[in-house]
Amino acid sequence: MVPFKKQSLAGGYVMNDDYDGLKRAVRRPSPLVIGLFAFMSMIYNSASFAQDPPKSGTGSSQTSGNPPLDSGASATEQTTKDQSSPATPPLTEASIPAQSKPDAPTLPKNFDSAKKKFAEKKYADATKQLQQFIKDGYTDTSIHDLLAQSYYNQHIYSKAIKEYEWLSKNARSYTVKGQAASTANVLACYMAGVCPGPCLNPNSPKWKPEPEIGAGLWWKEMRTDGRPHFFSKVHAGDKIMRNNLGNPYVDNNIKCPICRGTGKTKVLKDGAPL
């Protein structure tokens, strides 16, 4: 079949070639479209030139925002110079702020001697040596930790509590802080005759009436992830357990293994075994 031309709306034409029933169309842009594209490109370039004109005295190879090249030096030499010079001065000991420097060693030279005496269960001798370290101005947490354990093993609980409380406030590790606070609380409860176990202590001052929950009953509130959980005093003395989500619950048939549901323990005194 003979090819034929068909005029398009844009002023060009379309070549239609029918060969074995297959039609292929090739569109050629018209002069009108080409002229319109060239005109729009000229307007865009003019607007860009007006917003960021070239600075006077700069070469065509320099772009806006880059530092000028040194006179008398080639572009290659200037690039090498910029790469060889450091952007910031090297970090030295004098340039480090004082608060970011690691603390100086605060353990005495004969601290290992006190540790050896503790390991040999010579707690009294280790205690005297550790006390002297503190008098000499040493404040490392290892000294107070070993001293707290020495007091505990000698059944001097009142002094051990003070050392554990010191560790709960001054230890660097949050783990050590938490463990020290827990130990101090347990010892303080035993010395007060109060059950330190995980139970709804009937002698706790945190029981209070909650009319909106249940009139005529006393309730104790526990919070998990900011959400309140209330238990009535009917469960006083029950052991507090937690499910897979960490929420507390109680079972009427399971009492506290420490106080047996009474909320009290034998008063612990210095010199008595725990």
Protein backbone atom coordinates (compact mmCIF):
# COMPACT_ATOMS: atom_id res chain seq x y z
CA MET A 1 0.00 0.00 0.00
CA VAL A 2 1.30 3.50 -0.87
CA PRO A 3 2.26 5.69 2.10
CA PHE A 4 0.27 8.88 2.52
CA LYS A 5 0.59 12.09 4.57
CA LYS A 6 -1.96 13.30 7.07
CA GLN A 7 -1.87 16.84 8.43
CA SER A 8 -1.63 17.05 12.27
CA LEU A 9 -3.09 19.67 14.62
CA ALA A 10 0.37 21.00 15.53
CA GLY A 11 1.20 21.83 11.93
CA GLY A 12 3.34 18.77 11.23
CA TYR A 13 2.34 15.58 9.62
CA VAL A 14 2.19 11.88 10.39
CA MET A 15 3.65 9.23 8.13
CA ASN A 16 1.36 6.18 8.03
CA ASP A 17 2.79 3.10 6.43
CA ASP A 18 0.51 0.11 6.09
CA TYR A 19 2.64 -2.99 5.61
CA ASP A 20 0.93 -6.40 5.89
CA GLY A 21 -1.82 -4.94 8.03
CA LEU A 22 0.64 -3.40 10.58
CA LYS A 23 0.50 0.41 11.01
CA ARG A 24 3.40 2.39 12.39
CA ALA A 25 3.15 6.08 13.15
CA VAL A 26 6.12 8.39 13.43
CA ARG A 27 5.33 11.91 14.71
CA ARG A 28 7.65 14.71 13.71
CA PRO A 29 7.60 18.02 15.66
CA SER A 30 6.32 21.02 13.74
CA PRO A 31 8.24 24.30 13.39
CA LEU A 32 5.69 25.93 15.69
CA VAL A 33 6.55 23.53 18.55
CA ILE A 34 10.29 24.00 18.04
CA GLY A 35 9.98 27.78 18.10
CA LEU A 36 7.83 27.74 21.24
CA PHE A 37 10.35 25.53 23.08
CA ALA A 38 13.25 27.83 22.11
CA PHE A 39 11.33 30.90 23.34
CA MET A 40 10.58 29.32 26.76
CA SER A 41 14.24 28.28 27.17
CA MET A 42 15.37 31.87 26.51
CA ILE A 43 12.98 33.22 29.19
CA TYR A 44 14.18 30.66 31.77
CA ASN A 45 17.86 31.47 31.16
CA SER A 46 17.16 35.20 31.49
CA ALA A 47 15.44 34.69 34.87
CA SER A 48 18.32 32.56 36.18
CA PHE A 49 20.84 35.19 35.09
CA ALA A 50 18.93 37.94 36.92
CA GLN A 51 18.79 35.99 40.20
CA ASP A 52 22.50 35.00 40.30
CA PRO A 53 24.62 37.33 38.15
CA PRO A 54 28.35 36.57 37.89
CA LYS A 55 30.63 38.56 40.22
CA SER A 56 32.92 41.09 38.64
CA GLY A 57 36.57 40.18 38.53
CA THR A 58 36.02 36.43 38.65
CA GLY A 59 36.93 34.04 35.92
CA SER A 60 34.50 31.93 34.00
CA SER A 61 35.76 28.79 35.76
CA GLN A 62 34.79 30.07 39.25
CA THR A 63 31.28 29.42 40.58
CA SER A 64 29.31 31.37 43.17
CA GLY A 65 30.15 30.44 46.77
CA ASN A 66 33.68 29.10 46.09
CA PRO A 67 36.73 31.01 47.40
CA PRO A 68 38.79 32.83 44.72
CA LEU A 69 42.03 31.29 43.56
CA ASP A 70 45.31 32.83 44.61
CA SER A 71 46.76 35.13 41.99
CA GLY A 72 49.74 33.58 40.28
CA ALA A 73 48.74 30.03 41.14
CA SER A 74 47.10 27.60 38.79
CA ALA A 75 43.83 25.83 39.57
CA THR A 76 45.66 22.51 40.09
CA GLU A 77 48.14 24.03 42.55
CA GLN A 78 45.35 25.80 44.47
CA THR A 79 43.29 22.58 44.73
CA THR A 80 46.32 20.67 46.06
CA LYS A 81 46.96 23.43 48.62
CA ASP A 82 43.35 23.36 49.86
CA GLN A 83 43.36 19.59 50.24
CA SER A 84 46.70 19.53 52.11
CA SER A 85 45.71 22.19 54.69
CA PRO A 86 43.43 20.88 57.49
CA ALA A 87 40.03 22.48 57.91
CA THR A 88 40.33 22.48 61.72
CA PRO A 89 43.36 22.48 64.02
CA PRO A 90 44.45 19.04 65.26
CA LEU A 91 42.93 17.85 68.53
CA THR A 92 45.42 18.11 71.37
CA GLU A 93 45.25 17.45 75.10
CA ALA A 94 45.07 21.19 75.78
CA SER A 95 42.09 21.62 73.44
CA ILE A 96 39.95 19.00 75.23
CA PRO A 97 37.57 20.63 77.74
CA ALA A 98 38.35 19.75 81.33
CA GLN A 99 34.89 18.29 82.01
CA SER A 100 35.23 15.79 79.15
CA LYS A 101 38.58 14.36 80.24
CA PRO A 102 38.53 11.00 82.03
CA ASP A 103 38.88 11.20 85.77
CA ALA A 104 42.26 10.54 87.26
CA PRO A 105 42.73 7.18 89.01
CA THR A 106 41.11 7.39 92.45
CA LEU A 107 42.18 4.03 93.86
CA PRO A 108 45.08 3.89 96.32
CA LYS A 109 48.11 1.80 95.48
CA ASN A 110 47.43 -0.73 98.27
CA PHE A 111 43.77 -1.26 97.35
CA ASP A 112 44.63 -4.78 96.17
CA SER A 113 45.80 -5.53 99.70
CA ALA A 114 42.33 -4.71 101.05
CA LYS A 115 40.73 -6.89 98.36
CA LYS A 116 43.02 -9.76 99.32
CA LYS A 117 42.02 -9.47 102.98
CA PHE A 118 38.36 -9.46 102.02
CA ALA A 119 38.84 -12.58 99.89
CA GLU A 120 40.52 -14.26 102.87
CA LYS A 121 37.42 -13.36 104.97
CA LYS A 122 39.46 -11.03 107.16
CA TYR A 123 36.60 -8.54 107.07
CA ALA A 124 37.67 -6.53 110.14
CA ASP A 125 41.16 -5.90 108.73
CA ALA A 126 39.74 -5.04 105.32
CA THR A 127 37.25 -2.64 106.92
CA LYS A 128 40.00 -0.71 108.76
CA GLN A 129 42.01 -0.36 105.57
CA LEU A 130 39.01 0.75 103.51
CA GLN A 131 37.97 3.28 106.16
CA GLN A 132 41.47 4.76 106.04
CA PHE A 133 41.22 5.13 102.27
CA ILE A 134 38.04 7.19 102.68
CA LYS A 135 39.67 9.35 105.38
CA ASP A 136 42.55 10.02 102.99
CA GLY A 137 40.10 11.45 100.46
CA TYR A 138 39.59 8.51 98.09
CA THR A 139 36.01 8.38 96.81
CA ASP A 140 36.04 5.59 94.23
CA THR A 141 32.88 3.49 94.24
CA SER A 142 34.91 0.27 94.46
CA ILE A 143 36.05 1.29 97.95
CA HIS A 144 32.50 1.93 99.20
CA ASP A 145 31.20 -1.23 97.53
CA LEU A 146 33.82 -3.41 99.23
CA LEU A 147 33.25 -1.62 102.53
CA ALA A 148 29.48 -2.22 102.35
CA GLN A 149 30.06 -5.92 101.78
CA SER A 150 32.56 -6.04 104.64
CA TYR A 151 30.00 -4.48 107.02
CA TYR A 152 27.31 -6.88 105.81
CA ASN A 153 29.47 -9.97 106.33
CA GLN A 154 30.23 -8.74 109.87
CA HIS A 155 26.46 -8.30 110.49
CA ILE A 156 26.88 -4.54 110.95
CA TYR A 157 23.76 -3.78 108.92
CA SER A 158 23.25 -0.16 110.02
CA LYS A 159 26.63 0.86 108.57
CA ALA A 160 26.15 -1.34 105.51
CA ILE A 161 22.90 0.51 104.76
CA LYS A 162 24.73 3.85 104.76
CA GLU A 163 27.33 2.57 102.32
CA TYR A 164 24.68 1.12 100.01
CA GLU A 165 22.76 4.39 100.13
CA TRP A 166 25.96 6.24 99.20
CA LEU A 167 26.41 3.91 96.23
CA SER A 168 22.79 4.41 95.13
CA LYS A 169 23.49 8.13 94.79
CA ASN A 170 27.10 8.28 93.60
CA ALA A 171 27.79 5.16 91.56
CA ARG A 172 28.39 5.77 87.87
CA SER A 173 26.62 2.64 86.71
CA TYR A 174 22.82 2.70 86.79
CA THR A 175 22.88 -1.04 87.43
CA VAL A 176 25.03 -0.58 90.54
CA LYS A 177 22.80 2.27 91.68
CA GLY A 178 19.67 0.15 91.39
CA GLN A 179 21.19 -2.87 93.12
CA ALA A 180 22.55 -0.74 95.96
CA ALA A 181 19.20 1.01 96.48
CA SER A 182 17.38 -2.34 96.55
CA THR A 183 19.82 -3.85 99.07
CA ALA A 184 19.59 -0.79 101.32
CA ASN A 185 15.77 -0.95 101.23
CA VAL A 186 15.66 -4.67 102.08
CA LEU A 187 18.02 -4.27 105.03
CA ALA A 188 16.10 -1.23 106.29
CA CYS A 189 12.82 -3.17 106.12
CA TYR A 190 14.25 -6.08 108.08
CA MET A 191 15.65 -3.74 110.73
CA ALA A 192 12.19 -2.13 111.02
CA GLY A 193 10.41 -5.51 111.21
CA VAL A 194 8.57 -4.87 107.92
CA CYS A 195 8.31 -7.50 105.22
CA PRO A 196 10.52 -6.56 102.23
CA GLY A 197 8.96 -9.25 100.04
CA PRO A 198 6.79 -8.79 96.94
CA CYS A 199 3.43 -8.83 98.72
CA LEU A 200 0.47 -6.57 99.45
CA ASN A 201 1.68 -5.65 102.91
CA PRO A 202 -1.32 -5.16 105.23
CA ASN A 203 0.70 -2.68 107.33
CA SER A 204 1.56 -0.43 104.40
CA PRO A 205 0.44 3.22 104.75
CA LYS A 206 -0.50 3.27 101.05
CA TRP A 207 -3.92 1.66 101.58
CA LYS A 208 -6.68 4.20 101.01
CA PRO A 209 -10.42 4.24 100.23
CA GLU A 210 -11.44 4.47 96.58
CA PRO A 211 -15.24 5.04 96.52
CA GLU A 212 -15.33 5.12 92.73
CA ILE A 213 -13.93 1.57 92.57
CA GLY A 214 -15.55 -0.10 95.55
CA ALA A 215 -17.32 1.52 98.50
CA GLY A 216 -16.40 0.36 102.00
CA LEU A 217 -13.08 -1.20 100.92
CA TRP A 218 -9.49 -0.05 101.16
CA TRP A 219 -7.38 -0.23 98.04
CA LYS A 220 -3.72 -0.15 97.15
CA GLU A 221 -2.56 1.23 93.84
CA MET A 222 0.32 -0.11 91.77
CA ARG A 223 1.46 1.40 88.49
CA THR A 224 2.90 -0.37 85.47
CA ASP A 225 3.94 1.71 82.46
CA GLY A 226 1.94 4.62 83.87
CA ARG A 227 -1.27 2.60 84.17
CA PRO A 228 -2.87 2.09 87.61
CA HIS A 229 -3.73 -1.33 89.03
CA PHE A 230 -5.86 -1.49 92.20
CA PHE A 231 -6.01 -4.30 94.76
CA SER A 232 -8.46 -4.41 97.66
CA LYS A 233 -7.34 -5.14 101.20
CA VAL A 234 -9.02 -8.52 100.88
CA HIS A 235 -5.76 -9.54 99.18
CA ALA A 236 -3.53 -8.17 101.94
CA GLY A 237 -0.60 -10.52 102.46
CA ASP A 238 -0.91 -12.12 99.01
CA LYS A 239 2.16 -12.44 96.87
CA ILE A 240 2.33 -10.09 93.90
CA MET A 241 3.04 -11.89 90.64
CA ARG A 242 3.30 -10.64 87.09
CA ASN A 243 2.03 -11.99 83.80
CA ASN A 244 3.83 -12.09 80.47
CA LEU A 245 3.03 -8.41 79.88
CA GLY A 246 4.49 -7.37 83.22
CA ASN A 247 1.12 -6.52 84.78
CA PRO A 248 0.70 -7.41 88.47
CA TYR A 249 -1.88 -9.88 89.74
CA VAL A 250 -2.49 -11.89 92.93
CA ASP A 251 -3.78 -15.34 93.83
CA ASN A 252 -5.74 -15.88 97.03
CA ASN A 253 -4.00 -19.22 97.55
CA ILE A 254 -0.45 -17.88 97.34
CA LYS A 255 0.78 -15.91 100.33
CA CYS A 256 4.05 -14.07 100.70
CA PRO A 257 6.85 -16.60 101.33
CA ILE A 258 8.66 -14.22 103.71
CA CYS A 259 5.95 -12.94 106.07
CA ARG A 260 3.29 -15.61 105.37
CA GLY A 261 0.74 -12.88 104.82
CA THR A 262 1.32 -10.98 108.09
CA GLY A 263 3.41 -8.20 106.56
CA LYS A 264 5.83 -8.40 109.49
CA THR A 265 9.19 -10.02 110.14
CA LYS A 266 11.44 -10.46 113.12
CA VAL A 267 13.31 -7.23 113.82
CA LEU A 268 16.87 -7.52 112.58
CA LYS A 269 19.58 -6.08 114.79
CA ASP A 270 23.29 -5.54 114.32
CA GLY A 271 25.27 -8.63 115.22
CA ALA A 272 22.47 -11.05 114.39
CA PRO A 273 22.62 -13.26 111.28
CA LEU A 274 20.11 -12.49 108.59
